[in-house]
Amino acid sequence: MSSGPSDLGSRSALSVSARRPANVEGTTSERSLGAIRRRGYLLFAAFALPNLALIAAFSYWPIIENIYLSFTTWDFISPQADLVGLLNYKVLFSSWTFPEVLLRTLVWVVVVVVVTLVLGLALALLFSQRIRGTTAVQTLAFSPHVLSGAAIATIWLLIFDPNHGLSRMVFDAFGVASPAWTTDDSWALWALIIVSIWKGLGFVAIVYLVGIQQIPAEVLEAARIDGAGRWTRFRRVIFPLLSPTTFFLVITQTISAFQSFDVIAMMTGGGPAGATTTLSWFIYDEAFSRNNVGTSSAASMIMFVVLMAITVLQFRFVERRVHY
């Protein structure tokens, strides 16, 4: 039975009228979704932009300014800095003192980081044994990390006093003369290394202790049931599972060792005869004692590049041995 033209017209009108609400509804939902997205973008901008502006002003702009100053000569007094290209970098690497400063800094960083991590791990294993009084010892061990550099320097200058300090008493007990720790150029660097290790040991131990406590007890119990002794459990179970903690501490302690400044400033001032002049002290001394802002900025850029290279190498090669 064929339908007439009037029926076809009414069907098409019905079909159009039936589709129209769906299109309108779809358009309305799209508009609502768009409004929600715009509101989200505005909220993100309202919260993020002030923080990004502060980071740009106080972190990235000084770096850009330092890069510019490393290609100039300036003494804090002249109205403007003079562009000299790579002259400051040539001066640094042609002098006989700067390579010594880099080598001394390398010795400082390697010894401080390695010894602090080894002793910190040993201390954390001791803390994990639940011996009575461990909490008090943990507090004492961590306290140097929150002390100011001035307080730490005062304590250790008294200990290192070759005439009346604790060092003198210890060496006297063995019948040996106490060295002049901070005034003898052959001992001064090692004195500051001892202080830096003491300062960072508690922090490293507490971080390692948290990592040990995160190891499932079932894993250690299974290793014990399989007959693994303490050394085997440490070597095959505990240390591999602590690799993320070790990776974190290696990076943070390396950066911290490169930036060590307060203890050097308070105890030796870079002396005697430059024996404790590391890269951080060299940068300060060039800028604020000798007014050589250009060479100080160039040394800062070298330190920045070295730290970036070490961090990238650690992420590229060391992270492969980390078990998450």
C-alpha atoms as a PDB file:
ATOM      1  CA  MET A   1       0.000   0.000   0.000  1.00  0.00           C
ATOM      2  CA  SER A   2       1.558   3.233  -1.184  1.00  0.00           C
ATOM      3  CA  SER A   3       1.618   6.295   1.010  1.00  0.00           C
ATOM      4  CA  GLY A   4       0.641   9.655  -0.300  1.00  0.00           C
ATOM      5  CA  PRO A   5       2.653  12.870  -0.450  1.00  0.00           C
ATOM      6  CA  SER A   6       0.975  14.155   2.696  1.00  0.00           C
ATOM      7  CA  ASP A   7       2.115  11.085   4.648  1.00  0.00           C
ATOM      8  CA  LEU A   8       5.722  11.444   3.416  1.00  0.00           C
ATOM      9  CA  GLY A   9       5.733  15.093   4.425  1.00  0.00           C
ATOM     10  CA  SER A  10       4.457  14.308   7.879  1.00  0.00           C
ATOM     11  CA  ARG A  11       7.081  11.524   8.324  1.00  0.00           C
ATOM     12  CA  SER A  12       9.960  13.776   7.267  1.00  0.00           C
ATOM     13  CA  ALA A  13       8.658  16.491   9.585  1.00  0.00           C
ATOM     14  CA  LEU A  14       8.488  13.970  12.414  1.00  0.00           C
ATOM     15  CA  SER A  15      11.978  12.678  11.670  1.00  0.00           C
ATOM     16  CA  VAL A  16      13.395  16.237  11.671  1.00  0.00           C
ATOM     17  CA  SER A  17      11.550  17.086  14.833  1.00  0.00           C
ATOM     18  CA  ALA A  18      12.804  13.818  16.380  1.00  0.00           C
ATOM     19  CA  ARG A  19      16.457  14.611  15.469  1.00  0.00           C
ATOM     20  CA  ARG A  20      16.411  18.243  16.526  1.00  0.00           C
ATOM     21  CA  PRO A  21      16.285  17.670  20.319  1.00  0.00           C
ATOM     22  CA  ALA A  22      19.242  15.249  20.070  1.00  0.00           C
ATOM     23  CA  ASN A  23      21.322  17.798  18.167  1.00  0.00           C
ATOM     24  CA  VAL A  24      20.334  20.533  20.561  1.00  0.00           C
ATOM     25  CA  GLU A  25      21.133  18.283  23.511  1.00  0.00           C
ATOM     26  CA  GLY A  26      24.495  17.366  21.990  1.00  0.00           C
ATOM     27  CA  THR A  27      25.367  20.972  21.361  1.00  0.00           C
ATOM     28  CA  THR A  28      24.383  21.880  24.895  1.00  0.00           C
ATOM     29  CA  SER A  29      26.545  19.122  26.398  1.00  0.00           C
ATOM     30  CA  GLU A  30      29.500  20.160  24.232  1.00  0.00           C
ATOM     31  CA  ARG A  31      29.101  23.735  25.380  1.00  0.00           C
ATOM     32  CA  SER A  32      28.940  22.585  29.004  1.00  0.00           C
ATOM     33  CA  LEU A  33      32.056  20.461  28.524  1.00  0.00           C
ATOM     34  CA  GLY A  34      33.830  23.391  26.895  1.00  0.00           C
ATOM     35  CA  ALA A  35      32.822  25.656  29.786  1.00  0.00           C
ATOM     36  CA  ILE A  36      34.129  23.126  32.317  1.00  0.00           C
ATOM     37  CA  ARG A  37      37.415  22.883  30.435  1.00  0.00           C
ATOM     38  CA  ARG A  38      37.791  26.673  30.264  1.00  0.00           C
ATOM     39  CA  ARG A  39      37.046  26.894  33.990  1.00  0.00           C
ATOM     40  CA  GLY A  40      39.713  24.234  34.618  1.00  0.00           C
ATOM     41  CA  TYR A  41      42.261  26.128  32.532  1.00  0.00           C
ATOM     42  CA  LEU A  42      41.479  29.338  34.408  1.00  0.00           C
ATOM     43  CA  LEU A  43      41.845  27.613  37.792  1.00  0.00           C
ATOM     44  CA  PHE A  44      45.139  26.043  36.680  1.00  0.00           C
ATOM     45  CA  ALA A  45      46.415  29.422  35.516  1.00  0.00           C
ATOM     46  CA  ALA A  46      45.271  31.138  38.720  1.00  0.00           C
ATOM     47  CA  PHE A  47      47.175  28.672  40.917  1.00  0.00           C
ATOM     48  CA  ALA A  48      50.173  27.892  38.698  1.00  0.00           C
ATOM     49  CA  LEU A  49      51.105  31.239  37.167  1.00  0.00           C
ATOM     50  CA  PRO A  50      52.112  33.005  40.437  1.00  0.00           C
ATOM     51  CA  ASN A  51      54.347  30.058  41.364  1.00  0.00           C
ATOM     52  CA  LEU A  52      55.803  29.840  37.849  1.00  0.00           C
ATOM     53  CA  ALA A  53      56.467  33.577  37.956  1.00  0.00           C
ATOM     54  CA  LEU A  54      58.346  33.224  41.272  1.00  0.00           C
ATOM     55  CA  ILE A  55      60.376  30.272  39.958  1.00  0.00           C
ATOM     56  CA  ALA A  56      61.207  32.182  36.778  1.00  0.00           C
ATOM     57  CA  ALA A  57      62.181  35.331  38.711  1.00  0.00           C
ATOM     58  CA  PHE A  58      64.272  33.699  41.449  1.00  0.00           C
ATOM     59  CA  SER A  59      65.606  30.530  39.753  1.00  0.00           C
ATOM     60  CA  TYR A  60      65.800  30.824  35.978  1.00  0.00           C
ATOM     61  CA  TRP A  61      66.448  34.557  35.604  1.00  0.00           C
ATOM     62  CA  PRO A  62      69.576  34.431  37.866  1.00  0.00           C
ATOM     63  CA  ILE A  63      70.883  31.540  35.749  1.00  0.00           C
ATOM     64  CA  ILE A  64      70.346  33.560  32.544  1.00  0.00           C
ATOM     65  CA  GLU A  65      71.957  36.616  34.163  1.00  0.00           C
ATOM     66  CA  ASN A  66      74.901  34.474  35.322  1.00  0.00           C
ATOM     67  CA  ILE A  67      75.401  33.098  31.796  1.00  0.00           C
ATOM     68  CA  TYR A  68      75.575  36.676  30.478  1.00  0.00           C
ATOM     69  CA  LEU A  69      77.986  37.810  33.208  1.00  0.00           C
ATOM     70  CA  SER A  70      80.309  34.862  32.499  1.00  0.00           C
ATOM     71  CA  PHE A  71      81.071  36.490  29.106  1.00  0.00           C
ATOM     72  CA  THR A  72      81.840  39.899  30.626  1.00  0.00           C
ATOM     73  CA  THR A  73      84.219  41.655  32.995  1.00  0.00           C
ATOM     74  CA  TRP A  74      82.576  43.505  35.892  1.00  0.00           C
ATOM     75  CA  ASP A  75      83.645  44.570  39.375  1.00  0.00           C
ATOM     76  CA  PHE A  76      80.321  45.500  41.045  1.00  0.00           C
ATOM     77  CA  ILE A  77      81.306  49.197  40.724  1.00  0.00           C
ATOM     78  CA  SER A  78      81.457  49.933  36.989  1.00  0.00           C
ATOM     79  CA  PRO A  79      78.139  51.152  35.559  1.00  0.00           C
ATOM     80  CA  GLN A  80      78.079  48.368  32.967  1.00  0.00           C
ATOM     81  CA  ALA A  81      79.793  45.077  32.203  1.00  0.00           C
ATOM     82  CA  ASP A  82      82.102  44.769  29.170  1.00  0.00           C
ATOM     83  CA  LEU A  83      81.636  41.801  26.857  1.00  0.00           C
ATOM     84  CA  VAL A  84      84.851  39.753  26.512  1.00  0.00           C
ATOM     85  CA  GLY A  85      83.571  36.517  25.001  1.00  0.00           C
ATOM     86  CA  LEU A  86      85.231  33.345  26.281  1.00  0.00           C
ATOM     87  CA  LEU A  87      88.122  35.194  27.953  1.00  0.00           C
ATOM     88  CA  ASN A  88      86.995  34.321  31.500  1.00  0.00           C
ATOM     89  CA  TYR A  89      86.887  30.606  30.671  1.00  0.00           C
ATOM     90  CA  LYS A  90      90.366  30.818  29.059  1.00  0.00           C
ATOM     91  CA  VAL A  91      91.712  32.596  32.147  1.00  0.00           C
ATOM     92  CA  LEU A  92      90.306  29.923  34.446  1.00  0.00           C
ATOM     93  CA  PHE A  93      91.711  26.942  32.564  1.00  0.00           C
ATOM     94  CA  SER A  94      95.065  28.609  31.863  1.00  0.00           C
ATOM     95  CA  SER A  95      95.688  29.370  35.546  1.00  0.00           C
ATOM     96  CA  TRP A  96      97.417  26.761  37.675  1.00  0.00           C
ATOM     97  CA  THR A  97      95.082  27.196  40.623  1.00  0.00           C
ATOM     98  CA  PHE A  98      91.717  26.397  39.010  1.00  0.00           C
ATOM     99  CA  PRO A  99      92.567  22.789  37.950  1.00  0.00           C
ATOM    100  CA  GLU A 100      93.775  22.238  41.528  1.00  0.00           C
ATOM    101  CA  VAL A 101      90.463  23.586  42.804  1.00  0.00           C
ATOM    102  CA  LEU A 102      88.557  21.166  40.529  1.00  0.00           C
ATOM    103  CA  LEU A 103      90.703  18.204  41.645  1.00  0.00           C
ATOM    104  CA  ARG A 104      90.282  19.168  45.324  1.00  0.00           C
ATOM    105  CA  THR A 105      86.529  19.451  44.848  1.00  0.00           C
ATOM    106  CA  LEU A 106      86.433  16.033  43.181  1.00  0.00           C
ATOM    107  CA  VAL A 107      88.325  14.466  46.122  1.00  0.00           C
ATOM    108  CA  TRP A 108      85.985  16.231  48.547  1.00  0.00           C
ATOM    109  CA  VAL A 109      82.810  15.019  46.777  1.00  0.00           C
ATOM    110  CA  VAL A 110      83.919  11.406  46.262  1.00  0.00           C
ATOM    111  CA  VAL A 111      85.192  10.891  49.829  1.00  0.00           C
ATOM    112  CA  VAL A 112      82.264  12.662  51.507  1.00  0.00           C
ATOM    113  CA  VAL A 113      79.566  10.898  49.435  1.00  0.00           C
ATOM    114  CA  VAL A 114      81.062   7.387  49.578  1.00  0.00           C
ATOM    115  CA  VAL A 115      81.971   7.426  53.290  1.00  0.00           C
ATOM    116  CA  THR A 116      78.683   9.062  54.316  1.00  0.00           C
ATOM    117  CA  LEU A 117      76.632   6.473  52.412  1.00  0.00           C
ATOM    118  CA  VAL A 118      78.619   3.487  53.721  1.00  0.00           C
ATOM    119  CA  LEU A 119      78.547   4.651  57.356  1.00  0.00           C
ATOM    120  CA  GLY A 120      74.915   5.778  57.046  1.00  0.00           C
ATOM    121  CA  LEU A 121      73.867   2.346  55.769  1.00  0.00           C
ATOM    122  CA  ALA A 122      75.762   0.622  58.601  1.00  0.00           C
ATOM    123  CA  LEU A 123      74.090   2.931  61.128  1.00  0.00           C
ATOM    124  CA  ALA A 124      70.654   2.263  59.609  1.00  0.00           C
ATOM    125  CA  LEU A 125      71.191  -1.510  59.854  1.00  0.00           C
ATOM    126  CA  LEU A 126      72.100  -1.015  63.527  1.00  0.00           C
ATOM    127  CA  PHE A 127      68.988   1.122  64.120  1.00  0.00           C
ATOM    128  CA  SER A 128      66.789  -1.558  62.527  1.00  0.00           C
ATOM    129  CA  GLN A 129      67.768  -4.101  65.221  1.00  0.00           C
ATOM    130  CA  ARG A 130      65.308  -2.580  67.766  1.00  0.00           C
ATOM    131  CA  ILE A 131      67.913  -2.274  70.518  1.00  0.00           C
ATOM    132  CA  ARG A 132      66.842  -0.360  73.646  1.00  0.00           C
ATOM    133  CA  GLY A 133      67.738   3.324  73.401  1.00  0.00           C
ATOM    134  CA  THR A 134      67.811   3.287  69.599  1.00  0.00           C
ATOM    135  CA  THR A 135      65.293   6.147  69.360  1.00  0.00           C
ATOM    136  CA  ALA A 136      67.496   8.429  71.463  1.00  0.00           C
ATOM    137  CA  VAL A 137      70.541   7.511  69.375  1.00  0.00           C
ATOM    138  CA  GLN A 138      68.583   8.206  66.166  1.00  0.00           C
ATOM    139  CA  THR A 139      67.678  11.674  67.465  1.00  0.00           C
ATOM    140  CA  LEU A 140      71.293  12.409  68.388  1.00  0.00           C
ATOM    141  CA  ALA A 141      72.506  11.124  65.009  1.00  0.00           C
ATOM    142  CA  PHE A 142      70.012  13.271  63.083  1.00  0.00           C
ATOM    143  CA  SER A 143      70.571  16.463  65.118  1.00  0.00           C
ATOM    144  CA  PRO A 144      73.714  17.617  63.183  1.00  0.00           C
ATOM    145  CA  HIS A 145      71.601  17.788  60.027  1.00  0.00           C
ATOM    146  CA  VAL A 146      69.417  20.539  61.513  1.00  0.00           C
ATOM    147  CA  LEU A 147      72.250  22.501  63.178  1.00  0.00           C
ATOM    148  CA  SER A 148      73.472  25.651  61.472  1.00  0.00           C
ATOM    149  CA  GLY A 149      76.900  25.733  59.868  1.00  0.00           C
ATOM    150  CA  ALA A 150      78.068  28.260  62.477  1.00  0.00           C
ATOM    151  CA  ALA A 151      77.120  25.953  65.360  1.00  0.00           C
ATOM    152  CA  ILE A 152      78.791  22.955  63.715  1.00  0.00           C
ATOM    153  CA  ALA A 153      81.941  24.969  63.022  1.00  0.00           C
ATOM    154  CA  THR A 154      82.097  26.190  66.630  1.00  0.00           C
ATOM    155  CA  ILE A 155      81.745  22.650  68.002  1.00  0.00           C
ATOM    156  CA  TRP A 156      84.447  21.217  65.736  1.00  0.00           C
ATOM    157  CA  LEU A 157      86.848  24.111  66.155  1.00  0.00           C
ATOM    158  CA  LEU A 158      86.768  23.316  69.890  1.00  0.00           C
ATOM    159  CA  ILE A 159      87.260  19.586  69.195  1.00  0.00           C
ATOM    160  CA  PHE A 160      90.135  20.248  66.755  1.00  0.00           C
ATOM    161  CA  ASP A 161      91.906  22.691  69.077  1.00  0.00           C
ATOM    162  CA  PRO A 162      95.463  21.261  69.123  1.00  0.00           C
ATOM    163  CA  ASN A 163      96.131  22.572  72.633  1.00  0.00           C
ATOM    164  CA  HIS A 164      92.938  22.024  74.641  1.00  0.00           C
ATOM    165  CA  GLY A 165      90.482  20.181  72.372  1.00  0.00           C
ATOM    166  CA  LEU A 166      89.129  16.643  72.509  1.00  0.00           C
ATOM    167  CA  SER A 167      91.445  15.768  69.632  1.00  0.00           C
ATOM    168  CA  ARG A 168      94.459  16.615  71.797  1.00  0.00           C
ATOM    169  CA  MET A 169      93.195  14.301  74.570  1.00  0.00           C
ATOM    170  CA  VAL A 170      92.634  11.399  72.148  1.00  0.00           C
ATOM    171  CA  PHE A 171      96.069  11.717  70.542  1.00  0.00           C
ATOM    172  CA  ASP A 172      97.709  12.136  73.945  1.00  0.00           C
ATOM    173  CA  ALA A 173      96.150   8.830  75.010  1.00  0.00           C
ATOM    174  CA  PHE A 174      98.120   7.154  72.209  1.00  0.00           C
ATOM    175  CA  GLY A 175     101.241   9.179  72.866  1.00  0.00           C
ATOM    176  CA  VAL A 176     101.014  11.021  69.558  1.00  0.00           C
ATOM    177  CA  ALA A 177     101.003  14.791  69.038  1.00  0.00           C
ATOM    178  CA  SER A 178      97.687  16.170  67.818  1.00  0.00           C
ATOM    179  CA  PRO A 179      97.881  17.684  64.336  1.00  0.00           C
ATOM    180  CA  ALA A 180      96.969  21.326  63.786  1.00  0.00           C
ATOM    181  CA  TRP A 181      93.812  20.335  61.957  1.00  0.00           C
ATOM    182  CA  THR A 182      92.649  23.666  60.576  1.00  0.00           C
ATOM    183  CA  THR A 183      95.960  25.523  60.259  1.00  0.00           C
ATOM    184  CA  ASP A 184      98.107  22.795  58.653  1.00  0.00           C
ATOM    185  CA  ASP A 185      97.571  22.651  54.870  1.00  0.00           C
ATOM    186  CA  SER A 186      98.102  18.879  54.831  1.00  0.00           C
ATOM    187  CA  TRP A 187      95.317  18.280  57.391  1.00  0.00           C
ATOM    188  CA  ALA A 188      92.810  21.101  56.820  1.00  0.00           C
ATOM    189  CA  LEU A 189      90.889  19.507  53.925  1.00  0.00           C
ATOM    190  CA  TRP A 190      90.537  16.211  55.792  1.00  0.00           C
ATOM    191  CA  ALA A 191      89.333  18.040  58.879  1.00  0.00           C
ATOM    192  CA  LEU A 192      86.532  19.627  56.863  1.00  0.00           C
ATOM    193  CA  ILE A 193      85.735  16.290  55.204  1.00  0.00           C
ATOM    194  CA  ILE A 194      85.307  14.717  58.671  1.00  0.00           C
ATOM    195  CA  VAL A 195      82.948  17.533  59.667  1.00  0.00           C
ATOM    196  CA  SER A 196      80.899  17.188  56.460  1.00  0.00           C
ATOM    197  CA  ILE A 197      80.560  13.428  56.926  1.00  0.00           C
ATOM    198  CA  TRP A 198      79.442  13.946  60.552  1.00  0.00           C
ATOM    199  CA  LYS A 199      76.933  16.554  59.416  1.00  0.00           C
ATOM    200  CA  GLY A 200      75.278  14.366  56.750  1.00  0.00           C
ATOM    201  CA  LEU A 201      75.555  10.947  58.436  1.00  0.00           C
ATOM    202  CA  GLY A 202      72.336  11.155  60.473  1.00  0.00           C
ATOM    203  CA  PHE A 203      70.206  12.200  57.486  1.00  0.00           C
ATOM    204  CA  VAL A 204      71.542   9.358  55.335  1.00  0.00           C
ATOM    205  CA  ALA A 205      71.020   6.832  58.163  1.00  0.00           C
ATOM    206  CA  ILE A 206      67.401   7.879  58.716  1.00  0.00           C
ATOM    207  CA  VAL A 207      66.601   7.709  54.988  1.00  0.00           C
ATOM    208  CA  TYR A 208      68.191   4.249  54.749  1.00  0.00           C
ATOM    209  CA  LEU A 209      66.292   3.154  57.890  1.00  0.00           C
ATOM    210  CA  VAL A 210      62.993   4.126  56.255  1.00  0.00           C
ATOM    211  CA  GLY A 211      64.009   2.118  53.180  1.00  0.00           C
ATOM    212  CA  ILE A 212      64.871  -0.949  55.311  1.00  0.00           C
ATOM    213  CA  GLN A 213      61.524  -0.737  57.108  1.00  0.00           C
ATOM    214  CA  GLN A 214      59.740  -0.787  53.723  1.00  0.00           C
ATOM    215  CA  ILE A 215      61.231  -4.197  52.834  1.00  0.00           C
ATOM    216  CA  PRO A 216      58.489  -6.851  53.279  1.00  0.00           C
ATOM    217  CA  ALA A 217      59.172  -9.060  56.303  1.00  0.00           C
ATOM    218  CA  GLU A 218      57.989 -12.078  54.294  1.00  0.00           C
ATOM    219  CA  VAL A 219      60.902 -11.657  51.879  1.00  0.00           C
ATOM    220  CA  LEU A 220      63.465 -11.614  54.679  1.00  0.00           C
ATOM    221  CA  GLU A 221      61.754 -14.549  56.398  1.00  0.00           C
ATOM    222  CA  ALA A 222      61.784 -16.561  53.159  1.00  0.00           C
ATOM    223  CA  ALA A 223      65.509 -15.894  52.754  1.00  0.00           C
ATOM    224  CA  ARG A 224      66.088 -16.951  56.365  1.00  0.00           C
ATOM    225  CA  ILE A 225      64.126 -20.190  55.872  1.00  0.00           C
ATOM    226  CA  ASP A 226      66.198 -20.900  52.752  1.00  0.00           C
ATOM    227  CA  GLY A 227      69.277 -20.824  54.959  1.00  0.00           C
ATOM    228  CA  ALA A 228      70.664 -17.420  53.990  1.00  0.00           C
ATOM    229  CA  GLY A 229      72.916 -15.947  56.659  1.00  0.00           C
ATOM    230  CA  ARG A 230      73.025 -12.255  57.636  1.00  0.00           C
ATOM    231  CA  TRP A 231      75.652 -11.309  55.056  1.00  0.00           C
ATOM    232  CA  THR A 232      73.857 -13.243  52.293  1.00  0.00           C
ATOM    233  CA  ARG A 233      70.508 -11.647  53.208  1.00  0.00           C
ATOM    234  CA  PHE A 234      72.129  -8.207  53.111  1.00  0.00           C
ATOM    235  CA  ARG A 235      73.949  -8.807  49.828  1.00  0.00           C
ATOM    236  CA  ARG A 236      71.191 -10.665  47.957  1.00  0.00           C
ATOM    237  CA  VAL A 237      68.004  -9.155  49.440  1.00  0.00           C
ATOM    238  CA  ILE A 238      68.405  -5.966  51.488  1.00  0.00           C
ATOM    239  CA  PHE A 239      70.972  -4.064  49.422  1.00  0.00           C
ATOM    240  CA  PRO A 240      69.285  -4.710  46.012  1.00  0.00           C
ATOM    241  CA  LEU A 241      65.907  -3.643  47.453  1.00  0.00           C
ATOM    242  CA  LEU A 242      67.557  -0.494  48.825  1.00  0.00           C
ATOM    243  CA  SER A 243      68.848   0.495  45.377  1.00  0.00           C
ATOM    244  CA  PRO A 244      66.156   3.217  44.834  1.00  0.00           C
ATOM    245  CA  THR A 245      67.121   4.733  48.207  1.00  0.00           C
ATOM    246  CA  THR A 246      70.812   4.540  47.343  1.00  0.00           C
ATOM    247  CA  PHE A 247      70.164   6.143  43.945  1.00  0.00           C
ATOM    248  CA  PHE A 248      68.270   9.020  45.579  1.00  0.00           C
ATOM    249  CA  LEU A 249      70.981   9.547  48.211  1.00  0.00           C
ATOM    250  CA  VAL A 250      73.840   9.446  45.684  1.00  0.00           C
ATOM    251  CA  ILE A 251      72.250  12.246  43.657  1.00  0.00           C
ATOM    252  CA  THR A 252      71.251  14.459  46.593  1.00  0.00           C
ATOM    253  CA  GLN A 253      74.508  13.954  48.523  1.00  0.00           C
ATOM    254  CA  THR A 254      76.612  14.638  45.408  1.00  0.00           C
ATOM    255  CA  ILE A 255      74.829  17.939  44.797  1.00  0.00           C
ATOM    256  CA  SER A 256      75.067  18.825  48.499  1.00  0.00           C
ATOM    257  CA  ALA A 257      78.822  18.053  48.593  1.00  0.00           C
ATOM    258  CA  PHE A 258      79.482  20.252  45.548  1.00  0.00           C
ATOM    259  CA  GLN A 259      77.598  23.127  47.211  1.00  0.00           C
ATOM    260  CA  SER A 260      79.275  22.823  50.648  1.00  0.00           C
ATOM    261  CA  PHE A 261      80.133  26.305  51.768  1.00  0.00           C
ATOM    262  CA  ASP A 262      79.121  27.190  55.328  1.00  0.00           C
ATOM    263  CA  VAL A 263      81.583  24.895  57.116  1.00  0.00           C
ATOM    264  CA  ILE A 264      84.467  26.077  54.896  1.00  0.00           C
ATOM    265  CA  ALA A 265      83.557  29.721  55.473  1.00  0.00           C
ATOM    266  CA  MET A 266      83.337  29.352  59.248  1.00  0.00           C
ATOM    267  CA  MET A 267      86.324  27.049  59.886  1.00  0.00           C
ATOM    268  CA  THR A 268      89.081  27.874  57.395  1.00  0.00           C
ATOM    269  CA  GLY A 269      87.926  30.534  54.918  1.00  0.00           C
ATOM    270  CA  GLY A 270      89.470  28.529  52.092  1.00  0.00           C
ATOM    271  CA  GLY A 271      92.879  28.381  53.772  1.00  0.00           C
ATOM    272  CA  PRO A 272      95.506  27.704  54.821  1.00  0.00           C
ATOM    273  CA  ALA A 273      97.247  28.600  51.535  1.00  0.00           C
ATOM    274  CA  GLY A 274      94.137  27.609  49.579  1.00  0.00           C
ATOM    275  CA  ALA A 275      94.203  24.036  50.923  1.00  0.00           C
ATOM    276  CA  THR A 276      90.418  24.023  51.523  1.00  0.00           C
ATOM    277  CA  THR A 277      89.386  26.117  48.511  1.00  0.00           C
ATOM    278  CA  THR A 278      86.734  24.023  46.792  1.00  0.00           C
ATOM    279  CA  LEU A 279      84.724  25.164  43.790  1.00  0.00           C
ATOM    280  CA  SER A 280      81.943  26.748  45.862  1.00  0.00           C
ATOM    281  CA  TRP A 281      84.423  28.773  47.941  1.00  0.00           C
ATOM    282  CA  PHE A 282      86.397  29.752  44.820  1.00  0.00           C
ATOM    283  CA  ILE A 283      83.210  31.184  43.263  1.00  0.00           C
ATOM    284  CA  TYR A 284      82.488  33.242  46.386  1.00  0.00           C
ATOM    285  CA  ASP A 285      86.088  34.382  46.787  1.00  0.00           C
ATOM    286  CA  GLU A 286      86.420  35.535  43.148  1.00  0.00           C
ATOM    287  CA  ALA A 287      83.198  37.547  43.308  1.00  0.00           C
ATOM    288  CA  PHE A 288      83.166  39.103  46.773  1.00  0.00           C
ATOM    289  CA  SER A 289      86.856  39.244  47.761  1.00  0.00           C
ATOM    290  CA  ARG A 290      88.484  39.957  44.392  1.00  0.00           C
ATOM    291  CA  ASN A 291      85.492  41.615  42.652  1.00  0.00           C
ATOM    292  CA  ASN A 292      86.018  39.420  39.563  1.00  0.00           C
ATOM    293  CA  VAL A 293      82.356  38.846  38.790  1.00  0.00           C
ATOM    294  CA  GLY A 294      83.083  37.560  35.276  1.00  0.00           C
ATOM    295  CA  THR A 295      85.444  34.755  36.311  1.00  0.00           C
ATOM    296  CA  SER A 296      83.219  33.920  39.279  1.00  0.00           C
ATOM    297  CA  SER A 297      80.218  33.580  36.942  1.00  0.00           C
ATOM    298  CA  ALA A 298      82.276  31.453  34.529  1.00  0.00           C
ATOM    299  CA  ALA A 299      83.281  29.157  37.412  1.00  0.00           C
ATOM    300  CA  SER A 300      79.603  28.961  38.409  1.00  0.00           C
ATOM    301  CA  MET A 301      78.678  27.869  34.898  1.00  0.00           C
ATOM    302  CA  ILE A 302      81.412  25.199  34.956  1.00  0.00           C
ATOM    303  CA  MET A 303      80.010  23.915  38.252  1.00  0.00           C
ATOM    304  CA  PHE A 304      76.492  23.915  36.768  1.00  0.00           C
ATOM    305  CA  VAL A 305      77.621  21.940  33.714  1.00  0.00           C
ATOM    306  CA  VAL A 306      79.588  19.438  35.828  1.00  0.00           C
ATOM    307  CA  LEU A 307      76.593  18.848  38.117  1.00  0.00           C
ATOM    308  CA  MET A 308      74.251  18.425  35.146  1.00  0.00           C
ATOM    309  CA  ALA A 309      76.659  15.969  33.485  1.00  0.00           C
ATOM    310  CA  ILE A 310      77.047  13.902  36.667  1.00  0.00           C
ATOM    311  CA  THR A 311      73.275  13.824  37.215  1.00  0.00           C
ATOM    312  CA  VAL A 312      72.600  12.776  33.610  1.00  0.00           C
ATOM    313  CA  LEU A 313      75.263  10.038  33.824  1.00  0.00           C
ATOM    314  CA  GLN A 314      73.777   8.781  37.080  1.00  0.00           C
ATOM    315  CA  PHE A 315      70.305   8.618  35.538  1.00  0.00           C
ATOM    316  CA  ARG A 316      71.640   6.994  32.350  1.00  0.00           C
ATOM    317  CA  PHE A 317      73.886   4.313  33.824  1.00  0.00           C
ATOM    318  CA  VAL A 318      73.232   3.895  37.566  1.00  0.00           C
ATOM    319  CA  GLU A 319      69.430   3.824  37.240  1.00  0.00           C
ATOM    320  CA  ARG A 320      69.702   0.618  35.175  1.00  0.00           C
ATOM    321  CA  ARG A 321      70.836  -1.196  38.317  1.00  0.00           C
ATOM    322  CA  VAL A 322      67.982   0.157  40.417  1.00  0.00           C
ATOM    323  CA  HIS A 323      65.247  -2.376  41.275  1.00  0.00           C
ATOM    324  CA  TYR A 324      61.866  -0.775  41.947  1.00  0.00           C
END
